[in-house]
Amino acid sequence: MKLCGVLLLVLVAVPALCQFPPDNWEFPDRRIENNEDLREVQCRHTCKDVKALKRRMREMESRVLALEDAAQAPPTGLLKMLQLEGRIRELEQLLLKSNKPSKLQEVVKPRKDQGTTDTHVSASCAELKDNGYTESGTYTIDPDDLDYGVEPFQVFCDMTSDNDTGITVVGHDSEERMLVNGWETAGSYEKDISYYGASMEQIAALIKASKSCRQFLKYECFSSAIHGRILDLDVTYASWESRQGEKMDYWAGASPGSGKCACGETGTCDKANPRCNCDVNDKRWRADEGYLTDKATLPVSRLNFGDTGHEWEQGYHTLGKLECTGY
């Protein structure tokens, strides 16, 4: 009777195991005990792997049938049952070991400050790369630690552009080249910038925790100036605003407070203009561009333009993603 009970247990367990996934499929970190648990297991293998598994399970079913025939011979039947149970346990352990976290989950490491054993999410993509993560993709970071400050948030990590470090990238809703036309008054065109997946407070924490940050900005102009004069008064038609909402008096590529574009600082502006290429303000396409790098004011929160009220006046602005490196 005991042998029959053991045999019945194996006959019930093996058909359920026949629906198990291959050795490296993902599933919850616990033993699978019923059909509902099995339905939670999600396949991420090819059809070839599935066919191979089915062949293996059919072989196990054949062994069970053979075991039924051998039930009349207790010593031999018992040996086969023990061998089959051992194989079942081996398969189950392999499945349990395959439950590995993906890079989209929070990446944590031990925190050793003040002798604690808590964990914290990496502060930036640069720290992640130093910890061995070399694949570009979306990761969760926390620039100011789990126990205080802003909540962790997701960013894109560029792990390949720079061999030495990972680049933390935060995108926004205004990355495409956008037309400015029909706005004559200085700053009358306004474009607010919304960043994906992070608040301004979270971005500020990232910038503070990073060694350097930058953001590309370009204005293509056709008879549309950045600076001008009306009735002997200086007018700033185009400007960008800091994360604090303050209008900046310089353009990308120039030094903070210079009131110039990149070419104005190097003395290379078109027609020897002292400030910007676009300030030539003639009926030719010109451009002023460069990177903003001042951590105290990044990222750009708004773009403002004007001097495009006449039908022949127009411009295009392009604002890149925020990129931060180091920690």
C-alpha atoms as a PDB file:
ATOM      1  CA  MET A   1       0.000   0.000   0.000  1.00  0.00           C
ATOM      2  CA  LYS A   2       2.839   2.437   0.781  1.00  0.00           C
ATOM      3  CA  LEU A   3       4.365   1.796  -2.613  1.00  0.00           C
ATOM      4  CA  CYS A   4       1.040   2.514  -4.327  1.00  0.00           C
ATOM      5  CA  GLY A   5       0.747   5.774  -2.413  1.00  0.00           C
ATOM      6  CA  VAL A   6       4.200   6.885  -3.495  1.00  0.00           C
ATOM      7  CA  LEU A   7       3.431   5.875  -7.067  1.00  0.00           C
ATOM      8  CA  LEU A   8       0.187   7.858  -7.021  1.00  0.00           C
ATOM      9  CA  LEU A   9       2.065  10.942  -5.739  1.00  0.00           C
ATOM     10  CA  VAL A  10       4.539  10.740  -8.611  1.00  0.00           C
ATOM     11  CA  LEU A  11       1.750  10.264 -11.173  1.00  0.00           C
ATOM     12  CA  VAL A  12       0.082  13.467  -9.946  1.00  0.00           C
ATOM     13  CA  ALA A  13       3.260  15.534  -9.690  1.00  0.00           C
ATOM     14  CA  VAL A  14       4.828  14.675 -13.035  1.00  0.00           C
ATOM     15  CA  PRO A  15       1.946  15.783 -15.357  1.00  0.00           C
ATOM     16  CA  ALA A  16       1.923  19.160 -13.574  1.00  0.00           C
ATOM     17  CA  LEU A  17       5.649  19.439 -14.050  1.00  0.00           C
ATOM     18  CA  CYS A  18       5.185  18.761 -17.754  1.00  0.00           C
ATOM     19  CA  GLN A  19       3.971  22.321 -18.077  1.00  0.00           C
ATOM     20  CA  PHE A  20       7.081  23.770 -16.421  1.00  0.00           C
ATOM     21  CA  PRO A  21       9.069  26.301 -18.523  1.00  0.00           C
ATOM     22  CA  PRO A  22      12.676  25.778 -19.713  1.00  0.00           C
ATOM     23  CA  ASP A  23      15.591  26.100 -17.332  1.00  0.00           C
ATOM     24  CA  ASN A  24      16.052  29.881 -17.641  1.00  0.00           C
ATOM     25  CA  TRP A  25      12.480  31.150 -17.786  1.00  0.00           C
ATOM     26  CA  GLU A  26      11.475  33.862 -15.283  1.00  0.00           C
ATOM     27  CA  PHE A  27       8.812  33.272 -12.600  1.00  0.00           C
ATOM     28  CA  PRO A  28       8.051  34.437  -9.042  1.00  0.00           C
ATOM     29  CA  ASP A  29      10.700  33.598  -6.477  1.00  0.00           C
ATOM     30  CA  ARG A  30       8.815  30.709  -4.820  1.00  0.00           C
ATOM     31  CA  ARG A  31       7.881  27.075  -5.467  1.00  0.00           C
ATOM     32  CA  ILE A  32       5.103  26.483  -7.978  1.00  0.00           C
ATOM     33  CA  GLU A  33       2.329  24.602  -6.237  1.00  0.00           C
ATOM     34  CA  ASN A  34      -0.807  24.720  -8.394  1.00  0.00           C
ATOM     35  CA  ASN A  35      -2.184  25.498 -11.842  1.00  0.00           C
ATOM     36  CA  GLU A  36      -2.802  29.160 -11.005  1.00  0.00           C
ATOM     37  CA  ASP A  37       0.872  29.529 -10.138  1.00  0.00           C
ATOM     38  CA  LEU A  38       1.806  27.882 -13.411  1.00  0.00           C
ATOM     39  CA  ARG A  39      -0.288  30.369 -15.383  1.00  0.00           C
ATOM     40  CA  GLU A  40       1.727  33.185 -13.818  1.00  0.00           C
ATOM     41  CA  VAL A  41       4.916  31.851 -15.350  1.00  0.00           C
ATOM     42  CA  GLN A  42       5.678  33.811 -18.542  1.00  0.00           C
ATOM     43  CA  CYS A  43       7.588  32.293 -21.415  1.00  0.00           C
ATOM     44  CA  ARG A  44      10.481  34.219 -22.938  1.00  0.00           C
ATOM     45  CA  HIS A  45      12.032  31.423 -25.018  1.00  0.00           C
ATOM     46  CA  THR A  46      11.888  30.523 -28.707  1.00  0.00           C
ATOM     47  CA  CYS A  47       9.681  27.838 -30.247  1.00  0.00           C
ATOM     48  CA  LYS A  48      12.760  25.629 -30.527  1.00  0.00           C
ATOM     49  CA  ASP A  49      13.198  25.691 -26.749  1.00  0.00           C
ATOM     50  CA  VAL A  50       9.514  24.907 -26.198  1.00  0.00           C
ATOM     51  CA  LYS A  51       9.679  21.891 -28.516  1.00  0.00           C
ATOM     52  CA  ALA A  52      12.781  20.621 -26.741  1.00  0.00           C
ATOM     53  CA  LEU A  53      11.043  20.915 -23.378  1.00  0.00           C
ATOM     54  CA  LYS A  54       7.969  19.069 -24.643  1.00  0.00           C
ATOM     55  CA  ARG A  55      10.187  16.222 -25.828  1.00  0.00           C
ATOM     56  CA  ARG A  56      11.768  16.008 -22.406  1.00  0.00           C
ATOM     57  CA  MET A  57       8.379  15.945 -20.697  1.00  0.00           C
ATOM     58  CA  ARG A  58       7.067  13.242 -23.011  1.00  0.00           C
ATOM     59  CA  GLU A  59      10.077  11.152 -22.051  1.00  0.00           C
ATOM     60  CA  MET A  60       9.200  11.620 -18.388  1.00  0.00           C
ATOM     61  CA  GLU A  61       5.589  10.602 -19.045  1.00  0.00           C
ATOM     62  CA  SER A  62       6.845   7.460 -20.764  1.00  0.00           C
ATOM     63  CA  ARG A  63       8.903   6.677 -17.697  1.00  0.00           C
ATOM     64  CA  VAL A  64       5.826   7.013 -15.504  1.00  0.00           C
ATOM     65  CA  LEU A  65       3.906   4.594 -17.741  1.00  0.00           C
ATOM     66  CA  ALA A  66       6.776   2.170 -17.537  1.00  0.00           C
ATOM     67  CA  LEU A  67       6.742   2.661 -13.783  1.00  0.00           C
ATOM     68  CA  GLU A  68       3.094   1.614 -13.658  1.00  0.00           C
ATOM     69  CA  ASP A  69       3.977  -1.657 -15.412  1.00  0.00           C
ATOM     70  CA  ALA A  70       6.823  -2.169 -12.975  1.00  0.00           C
ATOM     71  CA  ALA A  71       4.552  -1.776  -9.956  1.00  0.00           C
ATOM     72  CA  GLN A  72       4.247  -5.570  -9.742  1.00  0.00           C
ATOM     73  CA  ALA A  73       7.975  -5.734  -9.013  1.00  0.00           C
ATOM     74  CA  PRO A  74       8.433  -3.615  -5.878  1.00  0.00           C
ATOM     75  CA  PRO A  75      12.271  -3.366  -5.687  1.00  0.00           C
ATOM     76  CA  THR A  76      12.729  -2.336  -9.331  1.00  0.00           C
ATOM     77  CA  GLY A  77       9.661  -0.035  -9.326  1.00  0.00           C
ATOM     78  CA  LEU A  78      10.814   1.735  -6.172  1.00  0.00           C
ATOM     79  CA  LEU A  79      14.275   2.382  -7.644  1.00  0.00           C
ATOM     80  CA  LYS A  80      12.777   3.948 -10.762  1.00  0.00           C
ATOM     81  CA  MET A  81      10.485   6.138  -8.677  1.00  0.00           C
ATOM     82  CA  LEU A  82      13.421   7.441  -6.655  1.00  0.00           C
ATOM     83  CA  GLN A  83      15.381   8.193  -9.812  1.00  0.00           C
ATOM     84  CA  LEU A  84      12.416  10.075 -11.297  1.00  0.00           C
ATOM     85  CA  GLU A  85      11.824  12.079  -8.110  1.00  0.00           C
ATOM     86  CA  GLY A  86      15.509  13.078  -8.083  1.00  0.00           C
ATOM     87  CA  ARG A  87      15.248  14.327 -11.664  1.00  0.00           C
ATOM     88  CA  ILE A  88      12.107  16.307 -10.786  1.00  0.00           C
ATOM     89  CA  ARG A  89      13.877  18.026  -7.877  1.00  0.00           C
ATOM     90  CA  GLU A  90      16.865  18.835 -10.092  1.00  0.00           C
ATOM     91  CA  LEU A  91      14.635  20.444 -12.722  1.00  0.00           C
ATOM     92  CA  GLU A  92      12.794  22.495 -10.138  1.00  0.00           C
ATOM     93  CA  GLN A  93      16.057  23.844  -8.630  1.00  0.00           C
ATOM     94  CA  LEU A  94      17.289  24.901 -12.060  1.00  0.00           C
ATOM     95  CA  LEU A  95      14.063  26.808 -12.623  1.00  0.00           C
ATOM     96  CA  LEU A  96      14.365  28.566  -9.274  1.00  0.00           C
ATOM     97  CA  LYS A  97      17.924  29.708 -10.051  1.00  0.00           C
ATOM     98  CA  SER A  98      16.809  31.313 -13.319  1.00  0.00           C
ATOM     99  CA  ASN A  99      14.825  34.079 -11.609  1.00  0.00           C
ATOM    100  CA  LYS A 100      17.202  36.994 -12.293  1.00  0.00           C
ATOM    101  CA  PRO A 101      16.268  40.733 -11.973  1.00  0.00           C
ATOM    102  CA  SER A 102      16.233  42.823 -15.150  1.00  0.00           C
ATOM    103  CA  LYS A 103      18.042  46.165 -15.592  1.00  0.00           C
ATOM    104  CA  LEU A 104      14.673  47.942 -15.478  1.00  0.00           C
ATOM    105  CA  GLN A 105      14.371  47.057 -11.810  1.00  0.00           C
ATOM    106  CA  GLU A 106      15.970  49.218  -9.151  1.00  0.00           C
ATOM    107  CA  VAL A 107      19.704  48.564  -9.062  1.00  0.00           C
ATOM    108  CA  VAL A 108      20.879  48.597  -5.447  1.00  0.00           C
ATOM    109  CA  LYS A 109      24.173  48.130  -3.648  1.00  0.00           C
ATOM    110  CA  PRO A 110      25.185  48.034   0.044  1.00  0.00           C
ATOM    111  CA  ARG A 111      25.397  51.372   1.809  1.00  0.00           C
ATOM    112  CA  LYS A 112      28.306  51.513   4.233  1.00  0.00           C
ATOM    113  CA  ASP A 113      27.905  54.985   5.718  1.00  0.00           C
ATOM    114  CA  GLN A 114      27.689  55.065   9.516  1.00  0.00           C
ATOM    115  CA  GLY A 115      28.171  51.323   9.601  1.00  0.00           C
ATOM    116  CA  THR A 116      24.646  50.499   8.435  1.00  0.00           C
ATOM    117  CA  THR A 117      23.751  47.528   6.252  1.00  0.00           C
ATOM    118  CA  ASP A 118      20.885  49.186   4.358  1.00  0.00           C
ATOM    119  CA  THR A 119      20.855  49.435   0.568  1.00  0.00           C
ATOM    120  CA  HIS A 120      20.518  52.434  -1.712  1.00  0.00           C
ATOM    121  CA  VAL A 121      19.836  52.990  -5.388  1.00  0.00           C
ATOM    122  CA  SER A 122      22.835  54.170  -7.427  1.00  0.00           C
ATOM    123  CA  ALA A 123      23.114  57.943  -7.703  1.00  0.00           C
ATOM    124  CA  SER A 124      23.762  58.150 -11.445  1.00  0.00           C
ATOM    125  CA  CYS A 125      24.578  56.222 -14.603  1.00  0.00           C
ATOM    126  CA  ALA A 126      28.257  56.938 -13.982  1.00  0.00           C
ATOM    127  CA  GLU A 127      28.090  55.087 -10.673  1.00  0.00           C
ATOM    128  CA  LEU A 128      26.169  52.242 -12.311  1.00  0.00           C
ATOM    129  CA  LYS A 129      28.871  51.832 -14.957  1.00  0.00           C
ATOM    130  CA  ASP A 130      31.552  51.807 -12.271  1.00  0.00           C
ATOM    131  CA  ASN A 131      29.576  49.004 -10.620  1.00  0.00           C
ATOM    132  CA  GLY A 132      29.668  46.888 -13.776  1.00  0.00           C
ATOM    133  CA  TYR A 133      26.515  47.845 -15.673  1.00  0.00           C
ATOM    134  CA  THR A 134      27.608  48.365 -19.285  1.00  0.00           C
ATOM    135  CA  GLU A 135      24.358  48.016 -21.268  1.00  0.00           C
ATOM    136  CA  SER A 136      22.564  51.217 -22.306  1.00  0.00           C
ATOM    137  CA  GLY A 137      18.931  51.430 -21.267  1.00  0.00           C
ATOM    138  CA  THR A 138      16.478  52.662 -18.637  1.00  0.00           C
ATOM    139  CA  TYR A 139      17.589  52.471 -15.010  1.00  0.00           C
ATOM    140  CA  THR A 140      16.296  53.747 -11.670  1.00  0.00           C
ATOM    141  CA  ILE A 141      18.590  56.191  -9.839  1.00  0.00           C
ATOM    142  CA  ASP A 142      18.450  58.185  -6.617  1.00  0.00           C
ATOM    143  CA  PRO A 143      20.988  61.049  -6.549  1.00  0.00           C
ATOM    144  CA  ASP A 144      20.553  61.912  -2.862  1.00  0.00           C
ATOM    145  CA  ASP A 145      20.090  58.455  -1.249  1.00  0.00           C
ATOM    146  CA  LEU A 146      16.946  56.574  -0.250  1.00  0.00           C
ATOM    147  CA  ASP A 147      16.617  57.898   3.282  1.00  0.00           C
ATOM    148  CA  TYR A 148      16.082  61.576   2.469  1.00  0.00           C
ATOM    149  CA  GLY A 149      15.557  64.063  -0.367  1.00  0.00           C
ATOM    150  CA  VAL A 150      13.797  63.300  -3.641  1.00  0.00           C
ATOM    151  CA  GLU A 151      12.220  59.972  -4.610  1.00  0.00           C
ATOM    152  CA  PRO A 152      14.123  57.623  -6.955  1.00  0.00           C
ATOM    153  CA  PHE A 153      13.285  58.095 -10.652  1.00  0.00           C
ATOM    154  CA  GLN A 154      14.029  56.526 -14.023  1.00  0.00           C
ATOM    155  CA  VAL A 155      16.503  57.880 -16.562  1.00  0.00           C
ATOM    156  CA  PHE A 156      18.174  56.654 -19.722  1.00  0.00           C
ATOM    157  CA  CYS A 157      21.788  55.569 -19.255  1.00  0.00           C
ATOM    158  CA  ASP A 158      24.126  55.906 -22.228  1.00  0.00           C
ATOM    159  CA  MET A 159      26.885  53.423 -21.407  1.00  0.00           C
ATOM    160  CA  THR A 160      28.652  53.387 -24.786  1.00  0.00           C
ATOM    161  CA  SER A 161      29.304  56.968 -25.980  1.00  0.00           C
ATOM    162  CA  ASP A 162      32.044  57.538 -23.392  1.00  0.00           C
ATOM    163  CA  ASN A 163      34.379  54.649 -22.635  1.00  0.00           C
ATOM    164  CA  ASP A 164      35.219  55.995 -19.192  1.00  0.00           C
ATOM    165  CA  THR A 165      31.809  56.765 -17.712  1.00  0.00           C
ATOM    166  CA  GLY A 166      28.051  56.396 -18.010  1.00  0.00           C
ATOM    167  CA  ILE A 167      25.994  59.387 -19.166  1.00  0.00           C
ATOM    168  CA  THR A 168      22.712  60.128 -17.389  1.00  0.00           C
ATOM    169  CA  VAL A 169      20.195  61.402 -19.968  1.00  0.00           C
ATOM    170  CA  VAL A 170      16.878  63.149 -19.217  1.00  0.00           C
ATOM    171  CA  GLY A 171      14.637  63.833 -22.218  1.00  0.00           C
ATOM    172  CA  HIS A 172      11.801  66.312 -22.672  1.00  0.00           C
ATOM    173  CA  ASP A 173       8.804  67.145 -24.889  1.00  0.00           C
ATOM    174  CA  SER A 174      10.495  69.797 -27.082  1.00  0.00           C
ATOM    175  CA  GLU A 175      13.484  68.002 -28.601  1.00  0.00           C
ATOM    176  CA  GLU A 176      12.328  68.347 -32.218  1.00  0.00           C
ATOM    177  CA  ARG A 177      13.287  71.301 -34.432  1.00  0.00           C
ATOM    178  CA  MET A 178      10.395  73.761 -33.922  1.00  0.00           C
ATOM    179  CA  LEU A 179       9.269  76.711 -36.050  1.00  0.00           C
ATOM    180  CA  VAL A 180       8.959  80.257 -34.691  1.00  0.00           C
ATOM    181  CA  ASN A 181       6.884  82.543 -36.932  1.00  0.00           C
ATOM    182  CA  GLY A 182       4.385  85.345 -36.370  1.00  0.00           C
ATOM    183  CA  TRP A 183       5.755  86.602 -33.037  1.00  0.00           C
ATOM    184  CA  GLU A 184       7.190  90.118 -33.298  1.00  0.00           C
ATOM    185  CA  THR A 185       7.407  91.399 -29.705  1.00  0.00           C
ATOM    186  CA  ALA A 186      10.527  90.403 -27.789  1.00  0.00           C
ATOM    187  CA  GLY A 187       9.933  87.113 -25.958  1.00  0.00           C
ATOM    188  CA  SER A 188       6.304  86.876 -27.109  1.00  0.00           C
ATOM    189  CA  TYR A 189       6.851  83.297 -28.277  1.00  0.00           C
ATOM    190  CA  GLU A 190       7.092  81.136 -25.159  1.00  0.00           C
ATOM    191  CA  LYS A 191       7.812  77.405 -25.035  1.00  0.00           C
ATOM    192  CA  ASP A 192       7.666  75.699 -21.647  1.00  0.00           C
ATOM    193  CA  ILE A 193       9.825  72.576 -21.356  1.00  0.00           C
ATOM    194  CA  SER A 194       8.455  69.462 -19.631  1.00  0.00           C
ATOM    195  CA  TYR A 195      10.969  66.767 -18.723  1.00  0.00           C
ATOM    196  CA  TYR A 196      10.089  63.075 -18.890  1.00  0.00           C
ATOM    197  CA  GLY A 197       9.877  61.002 -15.726  1.00  0.00           C
ATOM    198  CA  ALA A 198      11.386  63.532 -13.324  1.00  0.00           C
ATOM    199  CA  SER A 199      10.395  66.690 -11.487  1.00  0.00           C
ATOM    200  CA  MET A 200      12.607  69.777 -11.491  1.00  0.00           C
ATOM    201  CA  GLU A 201      13.589  68.940  -7.889  1.00  0.00           C
ATOM    202  CA  GLN A 202      14.722  65.465  -8.919  1.00  0.00           C
ATOM    203  CA  ILE A 203      16.696  66.866 -11.870  1.00  0.00           C
ATOM    204  CA  ALA A 204      18.323  69.458  -9.597  1.00  0.00           C
ATOM    205  CA  ALA A 205      19.424  66.636  -7.269  1.00  0.00           C
ATOM    206  CA  LEU A 206      20.928  64.773 -10.248  1.00  0.00           C
ATOM    207  CA  ILE A 207      22.827  67.880 -11.365  1.00  0.00           C
ATOM    208  CA  LYS A 208      24.145  68.469  -7.845  1.00  0.00           C
ATOM    209  CA  ALA A 209      25.351  64.867  -7.587  1.00  0.00           C
ATOM    210  CA  SER A 210      27.045  64.961 -11.030  1.00  0.00           C
ATOM    211  CA  LYS A 211      30.516  66.204 -11.883  1.00  0.00           C
ATOM    212  CA  SER A 212      29.305  68.016 -15.023  1.00  0.00           C
ATOM    213  CA  CYS A 213      26.110  68.552 -17.022  1.00  0.00           C
ATOM    214  CA  ARG A 214      25.294  70.078 -20.381  1.00  0.00           C
ATOM    215  CA  GLN A 215      22.366  70.831 -22.719  1.00  0.00           C
ATOM    216  CA  PHE A 216      22.543  71.687 -26.411  1.00  0.00           C
ATOM    217  CA  LEU A 217      20.662  74.782 -27.687  1.00  0.00           C
ATOM    218  CA  LYS A 218      20.439  76.116 -31.235  1.00  0.00           C
ATOM    219  CA  TYR A 219      18.535  78.934 -32.962  1.00  0.00           C
ATOM    220  CA  GLU A 220      18.374  79.062 -36.758  1.00  0.00           C
ATOM    221  CA  CYS A 221      17.304  82.507 -37.923  1.00  0.00           C
ATOM    222  CA  PHE A 222      16.157  84.221 -41.117  1.00  0.00           C
ATOM    223  CA  SER A 223      15.962  87.988 -40.506  1.00  0.00           C
ATOM    224  CA  SER A 224      15.260  87.209 -36.857  1.00  0.00           C
ATOM    225  CA  ALA A 225      17.683  88.632 -34.273  1.00  0.00           C
ATOM    226  CA  ILE A 226      18.559  87.518 -30.760  1.00  0.00           C
ATOM    227  CA  HIS A 227      19.530  91.077 -29.742  1.00  0.00           C
ATOM    228  CA  GLY A 228      18.393  94.341 -31.284  1.00  0.00           C
ATOM    229  CA  ARG A 229      17.741  98.034 -30.663  1.00  0.00           C
ATOM    230  CA  ILE A 230      14.468  99.962 -30.662  1.00  0.00           C
ATOM    231  CA  LEU A 231      14.604 103.756 -30.199  1.00  0.00           C
ATOM    232  CA  ASP A 232      18.194 103.505 -28.994  1.00  0.00           C
ATOM    233  CA  LEU A 233      17.236 100.936 -26.379  1.00  0.00           C
ATOM    234  CA  ASP A 234      18.731  97.429 -26.244  1.00  0.00           C
ATOM    235  CA  VAL A 235      16.166  94.660 -26.751  1.00  0.00           C
ATOM    236  CA  THR A 236      16.626  90.934 -26.165  1.00  0.00           C
ATOM    237  CA  TYR A 237      14.319  89.106 -28.562  1.00  0.00           C
ATOM    238  CA  ALA A 238      15.449  85.579 -27.740  1.00  0.00           C
ATOM    239  CA  SER A 239      16.335  84.118 -24.341  1.00  0.00           C
ATOM    240  CA  TRP A 240      16.201  80.952 -22.280  1.00  0.00           C
ATOM    241  CA  GLU A 241      15.150  80.525 -18.669  1.00  0.00           C
ATOM    242  CA  SER A 242      16.920  78.623 -15.924  1.00  0.00           C
ATOM    243  CA  ARG A 243      15.309  75.923 -13.782  1.00  0.00           C
ATOM    244  CA  GLN A 244      14.563  78.699 -11.255  1.00  0.00           C
ATOM    245  CA  GLY A 245      12.597  80.595 -13.954  1.00  0.00           C
ATOM    246  CA  GLU A 246      15.170  83.358 -14.402  1.00  0.00           C
ATOM    247  CA  LYS A 247      15.816  84.776 -17.895  1.00  0.00           C
ATOM    248  CA  MET A 248      19.441  84.343 -18.899  1.00  0.00           C
ATOM    249  CA  ASP A 249      21.331  87.118 -20.725  1.00  0.00           C
ATOM    250  CA  TYR A 250      23.698  84.872 -22.698  1.00  0.00           C
ATOM    251  CA  TRP A 251      23.259  82.195 -25.379  1.00  0.00           C
ATOM    252  CA  ALA A 252      24.534  78.626 -25.624  1.00  0.00           C
ATOM    253  CA  GLY A 253      28.291  78.263 -25.983  1.00  0.00           C
ATOM    254  CA  ALA A 254      29.097  81.528 -24.214  1.00  0.00           C
ATOM    255  CA  SER A 255      30.010  82.292 -20.614  1.00  0.00           C
ATOM    256  CA  PRO A 256      27.288  83.102 -18.058  1.00  0.00           C
ATOM    257  CA  GLY A 257      26.733  86.858 -17.813  1.00  0.00           C
ATOM    258  CA  SER A 258      28.532  87.630 -21.081  1.00  0.00           C
ATOM    259  CA  GLY A 259      25.413  88.723 -22.976  1.00  0.00           C
ATOM    260  CA  LYS A 260      26.844  86.995 -26.047  1.00  0.00           C
ATOM    261  CA  CYS A 261      26.622  83.880 -28.187  1.00  0.00           C
ATOM    262  CA  ALA A 262      29.551  81.497 -28.702  1.00  0.00           C
ATOM    263  CA  CYS A 263      30.843  83.386 -31.757  1.00  0.00           C
ATOM    264  CA  GLY A 264      30.763  86.671 -29.820  1.00  0.00           C
ATOM    265  CA  GLU A 265      33.254  85.324 -27.290  1.00  0.00           C
ATOM    266  CA  THR A 266      35.589  83.944 -29.950  1.00  0.00           C
ATOM    267  CA  GLY A 267      35.234  86.920 -32.311  1.00  0.00           C
ATOM    268  CA  THR A 268      34.015  84.747 -35.171  1.00  0.00           C
ATOM    269  CA  CYS A 269      30.472  86.054 -35.734  1.00  0.00           C
ATOM    270  CA  ASP A 270      29.210  86.725 -39.270  1.00  0.00           C
ATOM    271  CA  LYS A 271      30.043  90.194 -40.588  1.00  0.00           C
ATOM    272  CA  ALA A 272      32.106  90.855 -37.462  1.00  0.00           C
ATOM    273  CA  ASN A 273      28.993  91.289 -35.351  1.00  0.00           C
ATOM    274  CA  PRO A 274      30.095  91.666 -31.722  1.00  0.00           C
ATOM    275  CA  ARG A 275      27.483  89.393 -30.141  1.00  0.00           C
ATOM    276  CA  CYS A 276      25.678  86.757 -32.261  1.00  0.00           C
ATOM    277  CA  ASN A 277      25.348  85.521 -35.841  1.00  0.00           C
ATOM    278  CA  CYS A 278      21.599  86.056 -35.825  1.00  0.00           C
ATOM    279  CA  ASP A 279      22.092  89.709 -34.852  1.00  0.00           C
ATOM    280  CA  VAL A 280      23.229  90.391 -38.433  1.00  0.00           C
ATOM    281  CA  ASN A 281      19.479  90.220 -39.079  1.00  0.00           C
ATOM    282  CA  ASP A 282      19.610  90.030 -42.874  1.00  0.00           C
ATOM    283  CA  LYS A 283      17.657  87.848 -45.267  1.00  0.00           C
ATOM    284  CA  ARG A 284      19.996  84.894 -44.981  1.00  0.00           C
ATOM    285  CA  TRP A 285      19.825  81.761 -42.880  1.00  0.00           C
ATOM    286  CA  ARG A 286      22.244  81.975 -39.981  1.00  0.00           C
ATOM    287  CA  ALA A 287      22.527  80.154 -36.656  1.00  0.00           C
ATOM    288  CA  ASP A 288      23.826  80.417 -33.098  1.00  0.00           C
ATOM    289  CA  GLU A 289      24.387  77.213 -31.180  1.00  0.00           C
ATOM    290  CA  GLY A 290      26.365  75.513 -28.456  1.00  0.00           C
ATOM    291  CA  TYR A 291      26.142  73.803 -25.080  1.00  0.00           C
ATOM    292  CA  LEU A 292      24.882  75.300 -21.834  1.00  0.00           C
ATOM    293  CA  THR A 293      27.044  73.973 -18.983  1.00  0.00           C
ATOM    294  CA  ASP A 294      26.300  76.041 -15.883  1.00  0.00           C
ATOM    295  CA  LYS A 295      25.100  73.548 -13.237  1.00  0.00           C
ATOM    296  CA  ALA A 296      23.595  76.355 -11.157  1.00  0.00           C
ATOM    297  CA  THR A 297      21.007  77.165 -13.863  1.00  0.00           C
ATOM    298  CA  LEU A 298      20.461  73.951 -15.851  1.00  0.00           C
ATOM    299  CA  PRO A 299      18.193  72.592 -17.186  1.00  0.00           C
ATOM    300  CA  VAL A 300      16.348  74.973 -19.517  1.00  0.00           C
ATOM    301  CA  SER A 301      12.785  75.486 -18.308  1.00  0.00           C
ATOM    302  CA  ARG A 302      11.495  77.818 -21.063  1.00  0.00           C
ATOM    303  CA  LEU A 303      12.500  79.278 -24.440  1.00  0.00           C
ATOM    304  CA  ASN A 304      11.470  82.788 -25.557  1.00  0.00           C
ATOM    305  CA  PHE A 305      11.688  84.296 -29.050  1.00  0.00           C
ATOM    306  CA  GLY A 306      10.453  87.296 -31.062  1.00  0.00           C
ATOM    307  CA  ASP A 307      11.309  89.336 -34.167  1.00  0.00           C
ATOM    308  CA  THR A 308       9.374  86.948 -36.437  1.00  0.00           C
ATOM    309  CA  GLY A 309       6.289  89.110 -37.038  1.00  0.00           C
ATOM    310  CA  HIS A 310       6.867  89.863 -40.722  1.00  0.00           C
ATOM    311  CA  GLU A 311       6.146  87.247 -43.356  1.00  0.00           C
ATOM    312  CA  TRP A 312       9.817  86.933 -44.319  1.00  0.00           C
ATOM    313  CA  GLU A 313      11.005  86.550 -40.706  1.00  0.00           C
ATOM    314  CA  GLN A 314      11.223  83.153 -39.078  1.00  0.00           C
ATOM    315  CA  GLY A 315      13.373  80.895 -36.973  1.00  0.00           C
ATOM    316  CA  TYR A 316      13.758  77.330 -35.677  1.00  0.00           C
ATOM    317  CA  HIS A 317      14.832  76.317 -32.193  1.00  0.00           C
ATOM    318  CA  THR A 318      16.333  72.979 -31.153  1.00  0.00           C
ATOM    319  CA  LEU A 319      16.870  71.985 -27.509  1.00  0.00           C
ATOM    320  CA  GLY A 320      18.738  68.781 -26.676  1.00  0.00           C
ATOM    321  CA  LYS A 321      18.379  66.411 -23.768  1.00  0.00           C
ATOM    322  CA  LEU A 322      20.036  67.095 -20.435  1.00  0.00           C
ATOM    323  CA  GLU A 323      23.235  65.029 -20.113  1.00  0.00           C
ATOM    324  CA  CYS A 324      25.169  64.551 -16.881  1.00  0.00           C
ATOM    325  CA  THR A 325      28.405  62.655 -16.188  1.00  0.00           C
ATOM    326  CA  GLY A 326      30.534  61.803 -13.181  1.00  0.00           C
ATOM    327  CA  TYR A 327      29.590  61.819  -9.490  1.00  0.00           C
END
